[in-house]
């Protein structure tokens, strides 16, 4: 499906959907908890549905019939009867691998085309050092792959470039038969690791971690409790609305966000304020976050080590800001669904952006954008970022595969329309 976007502003209120990162963890920890867990404010995104499918494949009863809460009965996992397909969800795959590796038997994982090109070997290596066996079917370091448990425990070393690798190893260690030590090579994206640790501690699991997130000690024999908890709103999804409003003559109220939540992308508010945006936060977000657009913004250096998912939308922000914006520590954003920095250079250049990839930095200079036909590559964050670029571009911007936004932001298309964006959705190009 195509989205045809024309230069326009945003106005009104938007309720930000729940965090897919929190949602996936709630499903997995609910599967491990003894008894019935209740997940309030569930996120019916494609990634959430992938995680739900995985725990069901592992024998968990999950009731998704209501929109306001889901229930699941955890505590007992079983071997899958068929190949597990994770769809497009890398987080579901990596964390789900830890659950499968805890079982005494074999599990096989696969996914869509993007997933089958993403590296999984660092996870398999870490799990293998904890006693499981794992290998990729095509011996290419990417899915499909096979895992055979159980997990014995011990010492494991894991690459820290992607926080999912670290979270998977920590989760696996809590399910191992004996005490485990996890050593991380240069932990990155640390807010997501902290999110995993907070969930574990909330559910009664004790983990000793170093301040730099590079070493963990996990004792054996611990159990997870069940819970009744709401899924926090997603700062990653909010970033598109925050920046979309800041770069246009808009006024938006964003509801549902909690500034006390651990999510790394909340730092985008500080970044926007430093660049000159007009943003006010009422009662830590409980009474809304307000953005008034139309102000001049200035470029700056932006460290993306904790916010790799923000690279596409920050690229668009850099086009609007005066001077030069440099995004650094972007390495992990190159091994997500796509090589996001490279593809944002390619697509924004079609719109006239002055943007280039220089080593491990993305450099964007103030640019006047013109509408063009651009490709999302089925990457939800690229799709939404290009929609925001269309709001400041002259003429029409035609974005292919806009439906991929539903991976993390269900209802993104409806939200844009309700806020006054001049956007039209087409089954095929006119």
Protein backbone atom coordinates (compact mmCIF):
# COMPACT_ATOMS: atom_id res chain seq x y z
CA UNK A 1 0.00 0.00 0.00
CA UNK A 2 1.12 3.54 -0.79
CA UNK A 3 0.71 6.70 1.26
CA UNK A 4 0.48 9.96 -0.68
CA UNK A 5 1.53 12.81 1.64
CA UNK A 6 1.38 16.53 0.95
CA UNK A 7 2.78 19.46 2.88
CA UNK A 8 0.55 19.99 5.92
CA UNK A 9 0.38 20.58 9.67
CA UNK A 10 -0.83 18.55 12.64
CA UNK A 11 -3.35 19.61 15.25
CA UNK A 12 -5.19 17.93 18.11
CA UNK A 13 -4.63 15.18 20.64
CA UNK A 14 -3.12 11.75 20.10
CA UNK A 15 -3.04 8.81 22.50
CA UNK A 16 0.33 7.10 22.01
CA UNK A 17 0.09 3.29 21.76
CA UNK A 18 1.85 1.01 24.20
CA UNK A 19 5.52 0.15 23.89
CA UNK A 20 6.19 -2.95 21.81
CA UNK A 21 9.38 -3.50 23.80
CA UNK A 22 7.43 -3.59 27.07
CA UNK A 23 4.65 -5.60 25.43
CA UNK A 24 6.93 -8.38 24.20
CA UNK A 25 8.54 -8.62 27.63
CA UNK A 26 5.15 -8.75 29.32
CA UNK A 27 4.19 -11.74 27.16
CA UNK A 28 7.42 -13.63 27.81
CA UNK A 29 7.55 -12.90 31.53
CA UNK A 30 3.87 -13.76 31.81
CA UNK A 31 4.68 -17.09 30.15
CA UNK A 32 7.33 -17.73 32.80
CA UNK A 33 5.31 -16.52 35.80
CA UNK A 34 3.54 -19.03 38.01
CA UNK A 35 -0.21 -18.56 37.66
CA UNK A 36 -2.36 -16.10 35.76
CA UNK A 37 -0.99 -12.77 34.56
CA UNK A 38 -3.02 -9.85 33.24
CA UNK A 39 -1.59 -7.47 30.64
CA UNK A 40 -3.53 -4.20 30.56
CA UNK A 41 -3.38 -1.73 27.68
CA UNK A 42 -2.13 -4.50 25.35
CA UNK A 43 -0.51 -3.53 22.06
CA UNK A 44 -2.01 -5.39 19.10
CA UNK A 45 0.93 -4.63 16.82
CA UNK A 46 2.45 -7.14 14.41
CA UNK A 47 5.47 -7.60 16.69
CA UNK A 48 3.21 -8.27 19.67
CA UNK A 49 1.25 -10.83 17.68
CA UNK A 50 4.53 -12.53 16.75
CA UNK A 51 5.50 -12.81 20.43
CA UNK A 52 2.03 -14.07 21.27
CA UNK A 53 2.37 -16.75 18.59
CA UNK A 54 5.71 -17.86 20.03
CA UNK A 55 4.47 -18.36 23.59
CA UNK A 56 1.41 -20.19 22.26
CA UNK A 57 3.74 -22.44 20.28
CA UNK A 58 5.56 -23.10 23.56
CA UNK A 59 2.35 -24.30 25.21
CA UNK A 60 1.04 -21.15 26.93
CA UNK A 61 -2.69 -20.43 27.05
CA UNK A 62 -3.26 -16.80 26.05
CA UNK A 63 -6.62 -15.03 25.83
CA UNK A 64 -6.49 -12.01 23.48
CA UNK A 65 -10.24 -11.60 23.06
CA UNK A 66 -10.48 -8.21 24.82
CA UNK A 67 -8.99 -4.89 23.77
CA UNK A 68 -8.44 -3.58 27.31
CA UNK A 69 -6.53 -6.54 28.74
CA UNK A 70 -5.13 -9.96 27.85
CA UNK A 71 -4.69 -12.88 30.23
CA UNK A 72 -2.24 -15.76 30.12
CA UNK A 73 -1.54 -18.77 32.32
CA UNK A 74 2.20 -19.22 32.70
CA UNK A 75 4.71 -21.36 34.47
CA UNK A 76 4.92 -24.42 32.23
CA UNK A 77 6.53 -24.35 28.78
CA UNK A 78 6.52 -27.24 26.33
CA UNK A 79 8.36 -28.05 23.13
CA UNK A 80 6.77 -26.67 19.95
CA UNK A 81 5.07 -29.09 17.61
CA UNK A 82 6.03 -27.13 14.50
CA UNK A 83 8.57 -24.58 13.26
CA UNK A 84 8.23 -21.25 15.07
CA UNK A 85 7.75 -18.32 12.69
CA UNK A 86 8.61 -14.97 14.29
CA UNK A 87 7.36 -12.89 11.36
CA UNK A 88 9.27 -9.59 11.31
CA UNK A 89 9.98 -9.35 15.04
CA UNK A 90 13.65 -9.47 15.98
CA UNK A 91 12.98 -8.90 19.69
CA UNK A 92 10.45 -11.73 19.73
CA UNK A 93 13.02 -13.99 18.09
CA UNK A 94 15.97 -13.22 20.34
CA UNK A 95 14.10 -13.31 23.65
CA UNK A 96 11.99 -16.25 22.51
CA UNK A 97 15.20 -18.16 21.80
CA UNK A 98 16.04 -18.06 25.50
CA UNK A 99 12.70 -19.63 26.41
CA UNK A 100 13.07 -22.37 23.80
CA UNK A 101 16.66 -23.11 24.86
CA UNK A 102 15.46 -23.83 28.40
CA UNK A 103 13.48 -26.86 27.19
CA UNK A 104 14.84 -30.40 26.94
CA UNK A 105 14.55 -30.83 23.18
CA UNK A 106 14.73 -29.08 19.84
CA UNK A 107 13.05 -25.98 18.46
CA UNK A 108 13.39 -24.44 14.99
CA UNK A 109 12.89 -20.71 14.32
CA UNK A 110 12.39 -18.82 11.08
CA UNK A 111 10.86 -15.50 9.98
CA UNK A 112 10.18 -13.23 7.05
CA UNK A 113 12.74 -12.10 4.48
CA UNK A 114 14.16 -9.34 6.68
CA UNK A 115 14.51 -11.67 9.67
CA UNK A 116 16.25 -14.28 7.53
CA UNK A 117 18.92 -11.68 6.78
CA UNK A 118 19.49 -10.54 10.38
CA UNK A 119 22.37 -11.92 12.45
CA UNK A 120 21.39 -14.48 15.11
CA UNK A 121 24.77 -16.13 15.66
CA UNK A 122 25.69 -13.91 18.67
CA UNK A 123 22.59 -15.21 20.46
CA UNK A 124 23.30 -18.83 19.54
CA UNK A 125 26.89 -18.47 20.72
CA UNK A 126 25.82 -17.06 24.08
CA UNK A 127 23.18 -19.76 24.61
CA UNK A 128 25.63 -22.48 23.58
CA UNK A 129 28.08 -21.35 26.25
CA UNK A 130 25.25 -21.81 28.76
CA UNK A 131 24.82 -25.43 27.69
CA UNK A 132 22.33 -25.31 24.83
CA UNK A 133 23.12 -26.33 21.26
CA UNK A 134 22.37 -24.00 18.40
CA UNK A 135 23.20 -23.59 14.74
CA UNK A 136 21.84 -21.85 11.66
CA UNK A 137 20.29 -24.17 9.11
CA UNK A 138 22.13 -22.59 6.16
CA UNK A 139 25.35 -21.98 8.12
CA UNK A 140 25.11 -18.24 7.34
CA UNK A 141 24.74 -16.78 10.88
CA UNK A 142 21.06 -15.91 10.16
CA UNK A 143 17.70 -17.69 10.54
CA UNK A 144 16.37 -20.30 10.10
CA UNK A 145 18.11 -21.84 13.12
CA UNK A 146 17.77 -24.77 15.49
CA UNK A 147 18.09 -24.73 19.28
CA UNK A 148 18.34 -27.66 21.64
CA UNK A 149 18.20 -27.32 25.42
CA UNK A 150 18.27 -27.47 28.30
CA UNK A 151 20.40 -24.64 29.66
CA UNK A 152 23.03 -25.75 32.18
CA UNK A 153 24.43 -22.34 33.20
CA UNK A 154 28.03 -21.26 33.70
CA UNK A 155 29.93 -18.41 32.10
CA UNK A 156 28.88 -16.90 28.78
CA UNK A 157 30.20 -14.01 26.74
CA UNK A 158 27.95 -12.00 24.47
CA UNK A 159 28.38 -9.21 21.94
CA UNK A 160 26.81 -5.99 23.24
CA UNK A 161 26.19 -4.08 19.99
CA UNK A 162 22.54 -5.12 20.02
CA UNK A 163 20.78 -5.00 23.39
CA UNK A 164 18.56 -7.91 22.34
CA UNK A 165 21.56 -10.23 22.46
CA UNK A 166 22.26 -9.20 26.05
CA UNK A 167 18.63 -9.44 27.17
CA UNK A 168 18.40 -12.91 25.64
CA UNK A 169 21.49 -14.08 27.53
CA UNK A 170 20.24 -12.64 30.84
CA UNK A 171 16.82 -14.23 30.37
CA UNK A 172 18.42 -17.57 29.51
CA UNK A 173 20.62 -17.42 32.60
CA UNK A 174 17.55 -17.09 34.85
CA UNK A 175 16.26 -20.36 33.37
CA UNK A 176 19.52 -22.32 33.66
CA UNK A 177 20.13 -25.21 36.07
CA UNK A 178 23.06 -23.58 37.87
CA UNK A 179 24.49 -20.15 38.61
CA UNK A 180 25.56 -18.12 35.59
CA UNK A 181 27.86 -15.22 34.83
CA UNK A 182 27.34 -13.07 31.75
CA UNK A 183 30.18 -10.99 30.35
CA UNK A 184 29.25 -8.41 27.71
CA UNK A 185 31.52 -6.88 25.11
CA UNK A 186 30.66 -3.14 25.15
CA UNK A 187 26.97 -3.01 26.06
CA UNK A 188 24.96 -0.72 23.78
CA UNK A 189 21.30 0.40 23.85
CA UNK A 190 21.44 0.12 27.64
CA UNK A 191 17.91 1.46 28.37
CA UNK A 192 16.52 -1.71 26.74
CA UNK A 193 18.76 -3.88 28.91
CA UNK A 194 17.59 -1.92 31.95
CA UNK A 195 13.99 -2.53 30.86
CA UNK A 196 14.62 -6.29 30.94
CA UNK A 197 16.27 -6.06 34.36
CA UNK A 198 13.41 -3.96 35.76
CA UNK A 199 10.83 -6.50 34.61
CA UNK A 200 12.81 -9.33 36.22
CA UNK A 201 13.25 -7.55 39.52
CA UNK A 202 9.59 -6.54 39.54
CA UNK A 203 8.72 -10.24 39.27
CA UNK A 204 11.03 -11.31 42.09
CA UNK A 205 14.15 -12.45 40.20
CA UNK A 206 17.46 -11.27 41.64
CA UNK A 207 20.28 -10.27 39.30
CA UNK A 208 23.55 -8.55 40.16
CA UNK A 209 24.63 -6.22 37.37
CA UNK A 210 27.58 -3.87 36.95
CA UNK A 211 26.99 -0.15 36.48
CA UNK A 212 28.25 -0.33 32.90
CA UNK A 213 25.89 -3.24 32.04
CA UNK A 214 28.83 -5.42 31.02
CA UNK A 215 28.69 -8.08 33.77
CA UNK A 216 25.84 -10.01 35.41
CA UNK A 217 25.58 -12.71 38.05
CA UNK A 218 22.42 -14.82 38.12
CA UNK A 219 21.80 -17.50 40.74
CA UNK A 220 19.90 -20.66 39.87
CA UNK A 221 16.56 -21.89 41.16
CA UNK A 222 14.65 -18.60 40.97
CA UNK A 223 11.04 -18.37 39.83
CA UNK A 224 9.00 -15.61 38.25
CA UNK A 225 5.75 -14.42 39.83
CA UNK A 226 2.60 -13.59 37.90
CA UNK A 227 1.48 -9.95 37.54
CA UNK A 228 -1.30 -7.52 36.74
CA UNK A 229 0.32 -4.61 34.92
CA UNK A 230 -0.37 -2.06 32.19
CA UNK A 231 1.92 -1.63 29.19
CA UNK A 232 3.50 1.87 29.21
CA UNK A 233 3.07 4.11 26.17
CA UNK A 234 5.83 4.01 23.59
CA UNK A 235 8.33 6.87 23.30
CA UNK A 236 9.66 5.34 20.05
CA UNK A 237 6.23 5.72 18.45
CA UNK A 238 5.80 9.15 20.04
CA UNK A 239 9.03 10.36 18.42
CA UNK A 240 7.37 10.57 15.00
CA UNK A 241 4.56 12.76 16.31
CA UNK A 242 6.92 14.85 18.45
CA UNK A 243 9.25 15.59 15.56
CA UNK A 244 6.44 15.83 12.99
CA UNK A 245 4.84 18.58 15.07
CA UNK A 246 8.16 20.33 15.80
CA UNK A 247 9.12 20.66 12.11
CA UNK A 248 5.69 21.93 10.97
CA UNK A 249 3.42 24.76 12.08
CA UNK A 250 1.54 22.41 14.37
CA UNK A 251 0.15 22.09 17.88
CA UNK A 252 -0.16 18.62 19.39
CA UNK A 253 -0.98 17.09 22.74
CA UNK A 254 0.50 13.63 23.25
CA UNK A 255 -1.18 11.51 25.92
CA UNK A 256 -0.20 8.31 27.73
CA UNK A 257 3.54 8.93 28.13
CA UNK A 258 5.37 8.62 31.45
CA UNK A 259 8.66 10.47 31.77
CA UNK A 260 9.68 8.13 34.61
CA UNK A 261 9.69 5.10 32.32
CA UNK A 262 13.07 3.61 31.42
CA UNK A 263 12.65 3.90 27.63
CA UNK A 264 15.66 5.45 25.94
CA UNK A 265 13.78 7.40 23.28
CA UNK A 266 12.35 9.79 25.87
CA UNK A 267 15.68 11.64 25.54
CA UNK A 268 14.40 12.94 22.18
CA UNK A 269 12.38 15.49 24.15
CA UNK A 270 15.59 16.87 25.66
CA UNK A 271 17.24 16.83 22.24
CA UNK A 272 14.35 18.77 20.69
CA UNK A 273 14.34 21.29 23.52
CA UNK A 274 18.08 21.84 23.09
CA UNK A 275 17.53 22.41 19.36
CA UNK A 276 14.97 25.11 20.13
CA UNK A 277 11.62 23.30 20.05
CA UNK A 278 8.65 24.47 22.13
CA UNK A 279 7.65 21.48 24.30
CA UNK A 280 5.95 21.47 27.69
CA UNK A 281 5.40 18.46 29.93
CA UNK A 282 2.48 18.47 32.36
CA UNK A 283 2.82 16.37 35.54
CA UNK A 284 5.56 14.20 34.07
CA UNK A 285 3.37 13.38 31.09
CA UNK A 286 0.28 12.33 33.06
CA UNK A 287 -1.56 15.44 31.84
CA UNK A 288 0.01 15.45 28.40
CA UNK A 289 3.11 16.51 26.52
CA UNK A 290 2.48 19.57 24.35
CA UNK A 291 4.41 20.48 21.19
CA UNK A 292 4.07 23.82 19.39
CA UNK A 293 5.76 23.81 16.01
CA UNK A 294 6.87 26.59 13.74
CA UNK A 295 10.00 27.53 15.66
CA UNK A 296 13.46 27.59 14.13
CA UNK A 297 15.58 24.61 15.17
CA UNK A 298 19.35 24.38 15.14
CA UNK A 299 21.40 21.32 14.23
CA UNK A 300 23.55 19.52 16.79
CA UNK A 301 25.50 16.38 17.59
CA UNK A 302 23.23 13.52 18.67
CA UNK A 303 24.45 10.35 20.36
CA UNK A 304 22.23 7.47 19.17
CA UNK A 305 23.76 4.71 21.29
CA UNK A 306 20.68 4.56 23.52
CA UNK A 307 18.15 5.45 20.80
CA UNK A 308 18.97 3.40 17.69
CA UNK A 309 15.33 3.26 16.60
CA UNK A 310 15.25 7.07 16.33
CA UNK A 311 17.83 7.30 13.53
CA UNK A 312 15.28 7.47 10.65
CA UNK A 313 13.16 10.24 12.19
CA UNK A 314 16.25 12.13 13.43
CA UNK A 315 17.44 12.11 9.82
CA UNK A 316 14.27 13.97 8.85
CA UNK A 317 14.71 16.37 11.77
CA UNK A 318 18.21 17.14 10.53
CA UNK A 319 16.83 18.22 7.16
CA UNK A 320 14.67 20.86 8.88
CA UNK A 321 17.23 22.11 11.41
CA UNK A 322 19.55 24.98 10.58
CA UNK A 323 23.18 24.14 10.00
CA UNK A 324 24.41 20.58 10.40
CA UNK A 325 23.13 17.64 12.43
CA UNK A 326 25.44 14.70 13.04
CA UNK A 327 24.16 11.36 14.32
CA UNK A 328 26.88 9.20 15.87
CA UNK A 329 27.05 5.81 17.58
CA UNK A 330 24.66 4.54 14.93
CA UNK A 331 26.25 1.12 14.40
CA UNK A 332 23.42 -0.87 15.98
CA UNK A 333 20.84 0.88 13.76
CA UNK A 334 22.51 -0.76 10.77
CA UNK A 335 21.59 -4.31 11.91
CA UNK A 336 17.90 -3.79 12.63
CA UNK A 337 15.19 -4.67 10.10
CA UNK A 338 17.33 -2.89 7.50
CA UNK A 339 20.49 -0.82 7.30
CA UNK A 340 18.55 2.25 8.33
CA UNK A 341 21.24 4.96 7.99
CA UNK A 342 22.16 3.78 4.50
CA UNK A 343 18.53 3.62 3.35
CA UNK A 344 17.62 7.00 4.81
CA UNK A 345 20.49 8.51 2.82
CA UNK A 346 19.15 6.85 -0.31
CA UNK A 347 15.51 7.85 0.12
CA UNK A 348 15.92 11.37 1.53
CA UNK A 349 18.40 12.12 -1.25
CA UNK A 350 15.57 11.49 -3.72
CA UNK A 351 13.74 14.33 -1.97
CA UNK A 352 16.72 16.68 -2.27
CA UNK A 353 18.24 16.21 1.18
CA UNK A 354 21.88 17.07 1.80
CA UNK A 355 22.69 13.88 3.69
CA UNK A 356 25.62 11.49 3.71
CA UNK A 357 26.96 8.52 5.62
CA UNK A 358 30.52 9.15 6.76
CA UNK A 359 31.92 6.09 8.45
CA UNK A 360 29.94 5.57 11.64
CA UNK A 361 28.21 8.96 11.44
CA UNK A 362 25.18 10.20 9.55
CA UNK A 363 25.56 13.86 8.54
CA UNK A 364 22.46 15.88 7.60
CA UNK A 365 22.46 19.53 6.55
CA UNK A 366 19.53 21.91 6.35
CA UNK A 367 17.66 21.05 3.18
CA UNK A 368 14.59 22.05 1.21
CA UNK A 369 12.72 18.84 0.44
CA UNK A 370 10.60 18.14 -2.61
CA UNK A 371 8.09 15.34 -2.96
CA UNK A 372 9.27 12.13 -4.61
CA UNK A 373 8.43 8.46 -4.80
CA UNK A 374 10.28 6.75 -1.96
CA UNK A 375 10.58 3.22 -0.61
CA UNK A 376 10.13 2.10 3.01
CA UNK A 377 11.65 -1.35 2.35
CA UNK A 378 8.96 -2.73 4.64
CA UNK A 379 10.75 -1.12 7.62
CA UNK A 380 8.16 0.43 9.94
CA UNK A 381 10.43 3.18 11.23
CA UNK A 382 11.58 4.22 7.76
CA UNK A 383 7.94 4.28 6.59
CA UNK A 384 6.83 6.59 9.41
CA UNK A 385 9.89 8.82 9.09
CA UNK A 386 9.27 9.33 5.37
CA UNK A 387 5.67 10.28 6.12
CA UNK A 388 6.97 13.07 8.35
CA UNK A 389 9.37 14.15 5.62
CA UNK A 390 6.36 14.42 3.32
CA UNK A 391 4.78 16.93 5.71
CA UNK A 392 7.56 19.47 5.00
CA UNK A 393 8.20 18.65 1.32
CA UNK A 394 6.75 20.56 -1.60
CA UNK A 395 4.47 18.63 -3.91
CA UNK A 396 3.51 15.01 -3.24
CA UNK A 397 5.53 12.31 -1.52
CA UNK A 398 4.56 8.76 -2.39
CA UNK A 399 5.71 6.18 0.19
CA UNK A 400 5.59 2.49 -0.68
CA UNK A 401 4.69 -0.20 1.87
CA UNK A 402 3.29 2.21 4.44
CA UNK A 403 1.38 -0.69 6.02
CA UNK A 404 4.65 -1.76 7.67
CA UNK A 405 4.04 0.99 10.27
CA UNK A 406 1.68 -1.46 12.01
CA UNK A 407 4.70 -3.49 13.13
CA UNK A 408 5.12 -1.09 16.06
CA UNK A 409 2.39 1.58 15.72
CA UNK A 410 -1.03 0.08 15.07
CA UNK A 411 -3.34 2.83 13.86
CA UNK A 412 -0.57 5.13 12.63
CA UNK A 413 -2.46 5.82 9.40
CA UNK A 414 -5.63 6.77 11.27
CA UNK A 415 -3.72 8.94 13.72
CA UNK A 416 -2.16 10.98 10.92
CA UNK A 417 -5.53 11.61 9.31
CA UNK A 418 -7.24 12.50 12.59
CA UNK A 419 -4.52 15.08 13.29
CA UNK A 420 -5.10 16.84 9.97
CA UNK A 421 -2.25 15.51 7.86
CA UNK A 422 -2.91 15.70 4.12
CA UNK A 423 -2.42 12.01 3.51
CA UNK A 424 -4.15 9.57 1.21
CA UNK A 425 -3.77 5.79 1.28
CA UNK A 426 -3.70 3.96 -2.04
CA UNK A 427 -3.83 0.28 -2.76
CA UNK A 428 -1.74 0.88 -5.87
CA UNK A 429 0.06 3.86 -7.34
CA UNK A 430 -2.11 6.19 -9.44
